[in-house]
Protein backbone atom coordinates (compact mmCIF):
# COMPACT_ATOMS: atom_id res chain seq x y z
CA UNK A 1 -49.02 13.61 32.31
CA UNK A 2 -46.18 12.56 30.35
CA UNK A 3 -46.88 10.50 27.13
CA UNK A 4 -45.90 6.82 26.93
CA UNK A 5 -42.67 5.99 25.12
CA UNK A 6 -42.71 2.96 23.05
CA UNK A 7 -39.10 1.92 21.64
CA UNK A 8 -38.65 -0.12 18.91
CA UNK A 9 -35.30 -2.31 18.99
CA UNK A 10 -34.44 -5.35 17.22
CA UNK A 11 -31.17 -6.52 15.61
CA UNK A 12 -30.15 -4.42 12.35
CA UNK A 13 -32.08 -4.60 8.90
CA UNK A 14 -35.16 -5.76 10.59
CA UNK A 15 -37.23 -3.38 9.48
CA UNK A 16 -37.45 -1.11 12.29
CA UNK A 17 -37.27 2.26 10.23
CA UNK A 18 -39.81 0.72 8.03
CA UNK A 19 -42.77 0.44 11.00
CA UNK A 20 -41.74 3.57 12.67
CA UNK A 21 -42.65 5.34 10.01
CA UNK A 22 -46.15 3.40 9.57
CA UNK A 23 -46.56 4.44 13.03
CA UNK A 24 -45.86 8.02 13.11
CA UNK A 25 -47.43 8.61 9.82
CA UNK A 26 -44.33 10.49 8.44
CA UNK A 27 -41.24 9.38 6.66
CA UNK A 28 -38.66 10.63 9.45
CA UNK A 29 -36.14 7.89 9.25
CA UNK A 30 -34.14 6.76 6.56
CA UNK A 31 -34.76 3.52 5.01
CA UNK A 32 -32.68 1.48 3.27
CA UNK A 33 -32.17 -2.47 2.69
CA UNK A 34 -28.72 -2.84 4.13
CA UNK A 35 -27.86 -3.09 7.78
CA UNK A 36 -26.51 -0.13 9.90
CA UNK A 37 -28.62 3.20 8.59
CA UNK A 38 -30.01 3.97 11.76
CA UNK A 39 -27.34 5.50 13.65
CA UNK A 40 -28.74 7.47 16.20
CA UNK A 41 -32.23 7.10 18.11
CA UNK A 42 -34.97 8.67 16.18
CA UNK A 43 -38.34 10.37 17.89
CA UNK A 44 -41.62 10.44 16.93
CA UNK A 45 -45.08 10.71 17.95
CA UNK A 46 -48.45 8.32 17.48
CA UNK A 47 -51.21 8.12 18.22
CA UNK A 48 -53.50 5.24 18.49
CA UNK A 49 -57.20 4.20 20.34
CA UNK A 50 -56.97 7.80 21.96
CA UNK A 51 -54.02 7.59 23.16
CA UNK A 52 -51.19 10.14 22.52
CA UNK A 53 -47.26 8.40 22.44
CA UNK A 54 -44.29 8.83 21.64
CA UNK A 55 -42.07 6.61 19.60
CA UNK A 56 -38.29 5.77 19.42
CA UNK A 57 -36.51 4.54 16.65
CA UNK A 58 -33.06 2.64 17.54
CA UNK A 59 -30.02 1.53 15.77
CA UNK A 60 -29.70 -2.32 15.39
CA UNK A 61 -28.20 -3.48 18.56
CA UNK A 62 -25.39 -6.06 17.54
CA UNK A 63 -24.01 -7.82 20.38
CA UNK A 64 -20.49 -8.57 21.15
CA UNK A 65 -18.97 -6.02 18.52
CA UNK A 66 -15.76 -4.02 18.89
CA UNK A 67 -16.61 -1.94 16.24
CA UNK A 68 -17.20 1.89 17.72
CA UNK A 69 -20.17 2.50 15.73
CA UNK A 70 -21.60 -0.45 16.54
CA UNK A 71 -21.18 0.10 20.25
CA UNK A 72 -22.48 3.39 20.23
CA UNK A 73 -25.80 2.24 18.13
CA UNK A 74 -26.38 -0.72 21.21
CA UNK A 75 -25.70 1.99 23.58
CA UNK A 76 -28.25 3.88 21.99
CA UNK A 77 -30.54 1.13 21.89
CA UNK A 78 -29.64 -0.09 25.43
CA UNK A 79 -31.00 4.14 26.54
CA UNK A 80 -34.07 4.10 24.43
CA UNK A 81 -34.99 0.38 26.35
CA UNK A 82 -34.03 2.05 29.57
CA UNK A 83 -36.33 4.90 29.32
CA UNK A 84 -39.15 3.20 27.56
CA UNK A 85 -42.41 2.19 28.75
CA UNK A 86 -43.31 -0.11 26.21
CA UNK A 87 -40.85 -2.21 23.73
CA UNK A 88 -41.64 -3.63 20.21
CA UNK A 89 -39.01 -6.21 19.56
CA UNK A 90 -39.11 -6.42 15.80
CA UNK A 91 -37.59 -9.99 13.98
CA UNK A 92 -37.53 -10.92 10.45
CA UNK A 93 -39.95 -13.60 9.68
CA UNK A 94 -37.64 -13.82 6.01
CA UNK A 95 -34.33 -14.71 8.14
CA UNK A 96 -36.13 -16.60 11.27
CA UNK A 97 -34.95 -16.89 14.92
CA UNK A 98 -31.21 -15.86 14.72
CA UNK A 99 -28.42 -15.70 17.48
CA UNK A 100 -28.82 -12.26 17.45
CA UNK A 101 -32.26 -12.23 17.70
CA UNK A 102 -31.54 -14.48 20.95
CA UNK A 103 -28.96 -11.93 22.48
CA UNK A 104 -31.28 -9.18 21.66
CA UNK A 105 -33.82 -10.98 23.68
CA UNK A 106 -31.80 -11.97 26.54
CA UNK A 107 -31.10 -8.19 27.13
CA UNK A 108 -34.80 -7.42 26.59
CA UNK A 109 -35.79 -10.03 29.41
CA UNK A 110 -32.98 -8.15 31.91
CA UNK A 111 -34.56 -4.68 31.24
CA UNK A 112 -38.34 -6.46 33.27
CA UNK A 113 -40.60 -4.22 30.62
CA UNK A 114 -43.43 -5.23 28.55
CA UNK A 115 -42.29 -6.33 25.50
CA UNK A 116 -44.65 -6.69 22.68
CA UNK A 117 -42.72 -9.14 19.78
CA UNK A 118 -43.34 -8.32 16.04
CA UNK A 119 -42.49 -10.22 13.15
CA UNK A 120 -41.72 -8.06 10.27
CA UNK A 121 -41.54 -9.14 6.53
CA UNK A 122 -45.18 -11.73 6.74
CA UNK A 123 -46.02 -10.19 3.45
CA UNK A 124 -47.94 -13.44 2.06
CA UNK A 125 -50.30 -16.13 3.67
CA UNK A 126 -47.36 -18.69 2.77
CA UNK A 127 -45.16 -16.30 5.32
CA UNK A 128 -47.87 -16.80 8.20
CA UNK A 129 -46.41 -20.19 8.97
CA UNK A 130 -42.94 -18.82 9.49
CA UNK A 131 -44.50 -16.64 12.38
CA UNK A 132 -44.68 -19.37 15.12
CA UNK A 133 -41.08 -20.67 15.24
CA UNK A 134 -40.88 -16.90 17.04
CA UNK A 135 -42.75 -18.60 19.99
CA UNK A 136 -38.84 -19.24 21.52
CA UNK A 137 -38.06 -16.37 22.17
CA UNK A 138 -40.07 -16.31 25.24
CA UNK A 139 -42.46 -13.24 24.35
CA UNK A 140 -45.65 -14.91 23.89
CA UNK A 141 -47.97 -14.56 20.77
CA UNK A 142 -45.69 -13.06 18.17
CA UNK A 143 -47.57 -10.21 15.72
CA UNK A 144 -47.38 -10.78 12.20
CA UNK A 145 -46.88 -6.98 10.03
CA UNK A 146 -45.59 -6.43 7.24
CA UNK A 147 -43.92 -2.96 7.13
CA UNK A 148 -43.69 -2.76 3.07
CA UNK A 149 -47.30 -3.07 2.90
CA UNK A 150 -48.70 -1.98 6.43
CA UNK A 151 -50.09 -5.31 7.32
CA UNK A 152 -50.65 -5.95 10.79
CA UNK A 153 -50.04 -2.45 12.45
CA UNK A 154 -53.41 -2.23 13.86
CA UNK A 155 -52.96 -5.28 15.77
CA UNK A 156 -49.50 -4.28 16.59
CA UNK A 157 -50.84 -1.03 18.45
CA UNK A 158 -53.32 -2.51 20.18
CA UNK A 159 -51.13 -4.75 21.68
CA UNK A 160 -49.17 -2.09 22.29
CA UNK A 161 -51.66 0.34 23.94
CA UNK A 162 -52.85 -2.88 26.32
CA UNK A 163 -49.32 -2.15 28.28
CA UNK A 164 -49.46 1.65 28.88
CA UNK A 165 -49.64 2.89 32.26
CA UNK A 166 -52.91 4.16 33.33
CA UNK A 167 -53.34 7.80 32.77
CA UNK A 168 -53.44 9.53 36.24
CA UNK A 169 -54.44 13.19 37.41
CA UNK A 170 -51.67 16.08 37.81
CA UNK A 171 -50.98 16.02 41.70
CA UNK A 172 -50.18 19.75 41.24
CA UNK A 173 -52.70 22.67 41.43
CA UNK A 174 -53.53 24.72 38.46
CA UNK A 175 -52.21 28.01 40.20
CA UNK A 176 -49.04 25.59 40.59
CA UNK A 177 -45.79 26.68 37.82
CA UNK A 178 -44.29 23.67 36.65
CA UNK A 179 -40.90 24.05 35.46
CA UNK A 180 -38.55 21.76 33.53
CA UNK A 181 -34.88 22.55 33.20
CA UNK A 182 -33.83 20.86 29.99
CA UNK A 183 -30.40 21.06 28.30
CA UNK A 184 -27.44 19.08 27.02
CA UNK A 185 -24.70 17.40 30.08
CA UNK A 186 -22.54 20.11 31.70
CA UNK A 187 -24.94 22.98 30.90
CA UNK A 188 -25.59 23.44 34.82
CA UNK A 189 -28.91 22.25 35.38
CA UNK A 190 -27.82 20.94 38.90
CA UNK A 191 -26.68 23.51 39.75
CA UNK A 192 -28.91 26.18 38.73
CA UNK A 193 -31.59 23.69 40.70
CA UNK A 194 -29.35 24.31 43.96
CA UNK A 195 -29.18 28.13 43.34
CA UNK A 196 -32.84 28.60 42.97
CA UNK A 197 -33.75 26.70 46.20
CA UNK A 198 -30.47 27.72 47.90
CA UNK A 199 -31.33 31.48 47.86
CA UNK A 200 -33.53 31.40 50.55
CA UNK A 201 -32.63 28.60 52.41
CA UNK A 202 -35.37 27.05 51.29
CA UNK A 203 -35.76 23.82 53.02
CA UNK A 204 -37.16 21.01 50.58
CA UNK A 205 -38.10 17.01 50.53
CA UNK A 206 -37.22 15.71 46.39
CA UNK A 207 -40.49 13.61 45.96
CA UNK A 208 -40.66 11.19 42.94
CA UNK A 209 -42.56 12.40 40.07
CA UNK A 210 -45.28 11.02 37.91
CA UNK A 211 -42.31 10.59 35.35
CA UNK A 212 -39.94 7.28 36.25
CA UNK A 213 -36.93 9.11 37.69
CA UNK A 214 -37.80 12.40 37.47
CA UNK A 215 -37.24 14.20 40.37
CA UNK A 216 -40.04 16.97 41.30
CA UNK A 217 -39.18 19.65 43.58
CA UNK A 218 -41.76 22.15 44.83
CA UNK A 219 -41.32 25.70 46.28
CA UNK A 220 -42.64 28.80 46.87
CA UNK A 221 -41.03 32.03 46.60
CA UNK A 222 -42.96 35.68 46.53
CA UNK A 223 -46.50 34.01 47.44
CA UNK A 224 -45.92 31.94 44.24
CA UNK A 225 -46.13 28.27 43.95
CA UNK A 226 -43.49 26.18 41.60
CA UNK A 227 -42.57 22.93 40.68
CA UNK A 228 -38.98 22.21 39.27
CA UNK A 229 -38.76 19.46 37.18
CA UNK A 230 -35.02 18.55 37.23
CA UNK A 231 -33.60 16.54 34.21
CA UNK A 232 -30.24 16.49 35.76
CA UNK A 233 -28.26 14.32 37.81
CA UNK A 234 -29.29 11.21 36.31
CA UNK A 235 -25.97 10.72 34.10
CA UNK A 236 -24.48 7.47 36.42
CA UNK A 237 -26.31 4.66 35.55
CA UNK A 238 -23.21 3.43 33.84
CA UNK A 239 -20.86 4.53 31.58
CA UNK A 240 -23.83 4.54 28.81
CA UNK A 241 -24.72 7.86 30.50
CA UNK A 242 -21.11 9.12 31.05
CA UNK A 243 -20.27 8.71 27.23
CA UNK A 244 -23.30 9.72 25.38
CA UNK A 245 -25.02 13.17 25.07
CA UNK A 246 -27.67 12.03 23.55
CA UNK A 247 -29.34 10.40 26.26
CA UNK A 248 -30.57 14.28 27.41
CA UNK A 249 -33.11 14.51 24.37
CA UNK A 250 -35.48 11.45 26.10
CA UNK A 251 -35.23 12.77 29.45
CA UNK A 252 -35.77 16.11 28.22
CA UNK A 253 -39.18 15.11 26.38
CA UNK A 254 -40.48 13.92 29.40
CA UNK A 255 -39.61 16.42 31.55
CA UNK A 256 -41.27 19.07 28.72
CA UNK A 257 -44.74 16.93 28.45
CA UNK A 258 -45.39 17.42 32.05
CA UNK A 259 -43.92 21.69 32.59
CA UNK A 260 -45.92 24.53 31.30
CA UNK A 261 -42.34 26.74 31.27
CA UNK A 262 -38.98 24.83 29.61
CA UNK A 263 -35.57 26.57 30.69
CA UNK A 264 -33.71 25.91 27.88
CA UNK A 265 -29.79 26.13 29.97
CA UNK A 266 -26.80 26.89 26.97
CA UNK A 267 -23.64 26.94 28.31
CA UNK A 268 -22.36 30.27 27.88
CA UNK A 269 -18.86 29.61 28.07
CA UNK A 270 -18.84 26.99 25.31
CA UNK A 271 -21.28 28.67 23.21
CA UNK A 272 -24.17 27.47 21.18
CA UNK A 273 -24.44 23.68 19.92
CA UNK A 274 -26.33 21.69 17.29
CA UNK A 275 -27.78 20.02 20.36
CA UNK A 276 -28.93 23.05 22.42
CA UNK A 277 -31.07 23.30 18.59
CA UNK A 278 -33.01 20.03 19.29
CA UNK A 279 -33.39 20.18 22.92
CA UNK A 280 -34.84 23.81 22.53
CA UNK A 281 -37.38 22.00 19.29
CA UNK A 282 -39.03 19.89 21.21
CA UNK A 283 -40.20 22.31 24.03
CA UNK A 284 -41.20 24.55 21.08
CA UNK A 285 -43.05 21.28 19.06
CA UNK A 286 -44.96 20.64 22.53
CA UNK A 287 -46.22 24.32 22.60
CA UNK A 288 -44.54 25.13 25.52
CA UNK A 289 -43.41 28.52 27.14
CA UNK A 290 -40.02 29.00 26.99
CA UNK A 291 -36.91 30.75 28.38
CA UNK A 292 -33.51 30.59 27.55
CA UNK A 293 -30.79 30.24 30.36
CA UNK A 294 -27.57 31.29 29.42
CA UNK A 295 -25.48 29.88 32.28
CA UNK A 296 -21.82 30.28 33.20
CA UNK A 297 -22.02 33.83 32.72
CA UNK A 298 -19.28 34.36 35.12
CA UNK A 299 -16.87 32.89 33.16
CA UNK A 300 -17.25 34.65 29.66
CA UNK A 301 -14.78 37.65 29.36
CA UNK A 302 -17.64 40.50 28.57
CA UNK A 303 -17.70 43.94 27.13
CA UNK A 304 -20.39 46.42 26.79
CA UNK A 305 -21.35 44.19 23.51
CA UNK A 306 -21.04 40.84 24.77
CA UNK A 307 -24.56 40.37 25.78
CA UNK A 308 -26.37 41.88 23.20
CA UNK A 309 -24.01 39.79 20.34
CA UNK A 310 -24.73 36.38 22.40
CA UNK A 311 -28.74 37.31 22.35
CA UNK A 312 -28.05 37.82 18.38
CA UNK A 313 -26.59 34.33 18.23
CA UNK A 314 -29.27 32.90 20.21
CA UNK A 315 -32.33 34.60 17.61
CA UNK A 316 -29.56 33.42 14.63
CA UNK A 317 -29.51 30.22 15.86
CA UNK A 318 -33.32 30.02 16.67
CA UNK A 319 -35.19 31.60 14.67
CA UNK A 320 -38.31 29.61 15.35
CA UNK A 321 -38.06 30.28 18.95
CA UNK A 322 -38.21 34.27 18.38
CA UNK A 323 -40.82 34.29 20.81
CA UNK A 324 -38.61 33.07 24.02
CA UNK A 325 -36.82 36.05 26.75
CA UNK A 326 -33.12 35.46 27.66
CA UNK A 327 -32.05 35.54 30.76
CA UNK A 328 -28.24 35.79 31.32
CA UNK A 329 -26.87 34.58 35.09
CA UNK A 330 -24.19 32.23 36.91
CA UNK A 331 -26.09 29.63 39.03
CA UNK A 332 -22.37 29.12 40.61
CA UNK A 333 -21.76 32.68 41.86
CA UNK A 334 -25.92 33.70 41.63
CA UNK A 335 -25.00 36.51 39.64
CA UNK A 336 -28.47 37.77 37.87
CA UNK A 337 -29.83 34.49 39.34
CA UNK A 338 -32.62 37.11 41.09
CA UNK A 339 -34.06 37.98 37.09
CA UNK A 340 -35.06 34.37 36.62
CA UNK A 341 -37.86 33.36 38.34
CA UNK A 342 -39.95 36.95 37.40
CA UNK A 343 -39.62 35.87 34.12
CA UNK A 344 -41.00 32.27 34.57
CA UNK A 345 -44.03 33.90 36.40
CA UNK A 346 -44.51 36.35 33.27
CA UNK A 347 -44.42 33.59 30.39
CA UNK A 348 -46.68 31.28 32.58
CA UNK A 349 -49.11 33.93 32.60
CA UNK A 350 -48.92 34.71 29.01
CA UNK A 351 -48.98 30.45 28.27
CA UNK A 352 -52.21 30.91 29.90
CA UNK A 353 -53.44 34.13 28.78
CA UNK A 354 -57.12 34.29 26.93
CA UNK A 355 -58.03 37.36 24.80
CA UNK A 356 -61.82 38.51 24.41
CA UNK A 357 -63.02 37.69 20.87
CA UNK A 358 -64.13 41.46 20.00
CA UNK A 359 -60.69 42.47 20.59
CA UNK A 360 -59.10 39.74 18.78
CA UNK A 361 -61.68 40.33 15.84
CA UNK A 362 -60.59 44.20 16.08
CA UNK A 363 -56.63 43.40 15.76
CA UNK A 364 -57.68 40.83 12.43
CA UNK A 365 -59.76 43.82 10.95
CA UNK A 366 -57.15 46.53 11.78
CA UNK A 367 -54.45 43.75 10.66
CA UNK A 368 -56.41 43.34 7.34
CA UNK A 369 -56.98 47.01 6.60
CA UNK A 370 -53.29 48.02 6.72
CA UNK A 371 -52.19 45.17 4.91
CA UNK A 372 -55.00 43.13 2.83
CA UNK A 373 -55.00 39.64 2.68
CA UNK A 374 -53.61 38.25 -0.34
CA UNK A 375 -55.46 36.76 -3.61
CA UNK A 376 -54.57 34.16 -6.01
CA UNK A 377 -55.75 34.18 -9.51
CA UNK A 378 -58.40 36.98 -8.93
CA UNK A 379 -59.69 35.76 -5.74
CA UNK A 380 -58.66 37.14 -2.68
CA UNK A 381 -58.78 35.91 1.11
CA UNK A 382 -61.40 36.89 3.25
CA UNK A 383 -61.26 36.28 6.98
CA UNK A 384 -64.68 36.81 8.53
CA UNK A 385 -63.93 36.02 12.11
CA UNK A 386 -61.62 34.58 14.73
CA UNK A 387 -61.74 33.09 17.64
CA UNK A 388 -59.67 31.73 20.75
CA UNK A 389 -59.99 28.16 21.01
CA UNK A 390 -57.26 26.95 23.96
CA UNK A 391 -54.41 28.08 25.83
CA UNK A 392 -51.30 26.88 27.11
CA UNK A 393 -50.56 27.22 24.18
CA UNK A 394 -53.00 30.17 23.13
CA UNK A 395 -54.55 29.16 20.06
CA UNK A 396 -56.37 30.85 17.42
CA UNK A 397 -59.07 29.58 14.72
CA UNK A 398 -59.69 31.66 11.66
CA UNK A 399 -62.98 31.04 10.06
CA UNK A 400 -62.02 32.04 6.11
CA UNK A 401 -63.37 31.73 2.83
CA UNK A 402 -60.97 28.94 1.36
CA UNK A 403 -57.93 27.98 3.45
CA UNK A 404 -55.60 27.81 0.53
CA UNK A 405 -55.37 31.22 -0.12
CA UNK A 406 -54.07 31.69 3.70
CA UNK A 407 -50.26 32.64 2.61
CA UNK A 408 -47.55 31.20 5.21
CA UNK A 409 -46.51 34.69 5.32
CA UNK A 410 -50.01 36.47 5.98
CA UNK A 411 -50.45 33.94 8.59
CA UNK A 412 -46.77 34.86 10.37
CA UNK A 413 -47.74 38.30 9.59
CA UNK A 414 -51.18 37.94 11.83
CA UNK A 415 -49.19 36.49 14.26
CA UNK A 416 -46.54 39.17 14.37
CA UNK A 417 -49.97 41.57 15.07
CA UNK A 418 -51.73 39.42 17.59
CA UNK A 419 -48.27 38.98 19.37
CA UNK A 420 -47.51 42.91 19.40
CA UNK A 421 -51.37 43.80 20.65
CA UNK A 422 -51.52 41.25 23.38
CA UNK A 423 -47.63 40.57 24.64
CA UNK A 424 -47.43 36.89 24.10
CA UNK A 425 -43.80 36.97 24.86
CA UNK A 426 -42.64 33.80 25.93
CA UNK A 427 -44.87 31.36 24.46
CA UNK A 428 -45.76 30.00 21.04
CA UNK A 429 -48.84 31.28 19.15
CA UNK A 430 -50.56 28.62 17.06
CA UNK A 431 -52.81 29.68 14.17
CA UNK A 432 -55.00 27.66 12.79
CA UNK A 433 -57.40 28.45 9.66
CA UNK A 434 -60.55 26.81 8.82
CA UNK A 435 -62.93 27.12 5.93
CA UNK A 436 -66.18 29.02 7.28
CA UNK A 437 -69.46 26.80 5.97
CA UNK A 438 -72.27 28.20 4.36
CA UNK A 439 -74.23 27.44 7.54
CA UNK A 440 -72.48 29.36 9.79
């Protein structure tokens, strides 16, 4: 099931980014005491009461403004509201209820989403009395918080989690490969869906997925069942969706959470842009199998080196996803389309692969013999044994004498040895280093 999504919204300079950083436990958002610092939505992950969720930090909503940047910030906030399961409405205890707060409240009432009202900057007991003024906004009991001092964050998250959708069982079987098509607008996601389904005139009945607005399309090919999770074809919800490219990131995140394999579409005619890297990064961080799909290859002027050169560009731009294979095709003409699903099936199998413990330890022992573990101040790293603890993605724990002796370059060396031995093409591989206690 996809993670619930929490959007933090409010007028400028009420402390949204500070609360965002408190929730995710990181300083991802820039915090500065003047309005307008947060221009785009930022995304992070939080956890509370055993529930994981995604958090969106938005720029301040300024309604009725003509400035182009302010209009863009408002559009971003509206997109976040549309995607969210729960909204944290931030206001400022020092400023009291302002006309801008009342306008934001009107916007949130129209959204018909669960709203938790958070009154920020309640830094002392005297400020507690200022909280009651905010009952007038019509969202029930406000929660007093202090982003600067970390006060009230637990109470706030208690209220937020109460509104999360109930966790549902996955409606698809273990053998079904769930494939998310992700990418920025105009890379051809809808065209690729149609091309895949139309190749053998498969008649399908699109059904609403568990993620709101996503369309799941089950189909079968060569005895293998798939579900396409399409994030395309959803732009026409007002001008905002037609003019704001960054909407695609939230759509992609929701689809990625439910997928086994992410097809990262790139427009072969336009080449790689920064947005492509952001979207691909979410698939990598989520631990999903991935395939780069270079679409519109029919429109590219080619010679005998074009494909090789484009592949190298992908490797240069996506250093963190060197494991992902690249497929060139044209959804429009069907050129090379037959190569895609066999690759999807292979990377899905690799994503779910388990290796035998004795074979894994043989590989680790051989790797250590060929390239001895690092030393620090006379102490050498000792790897006692390794074991696989999870799949999707394959995750291995290395038990050692001192985790601090494990240099990241040596960890990468071990990962490469594991990959070359077991063929984990298309999937991230995670290595966790733990100290072996005396009792073990």
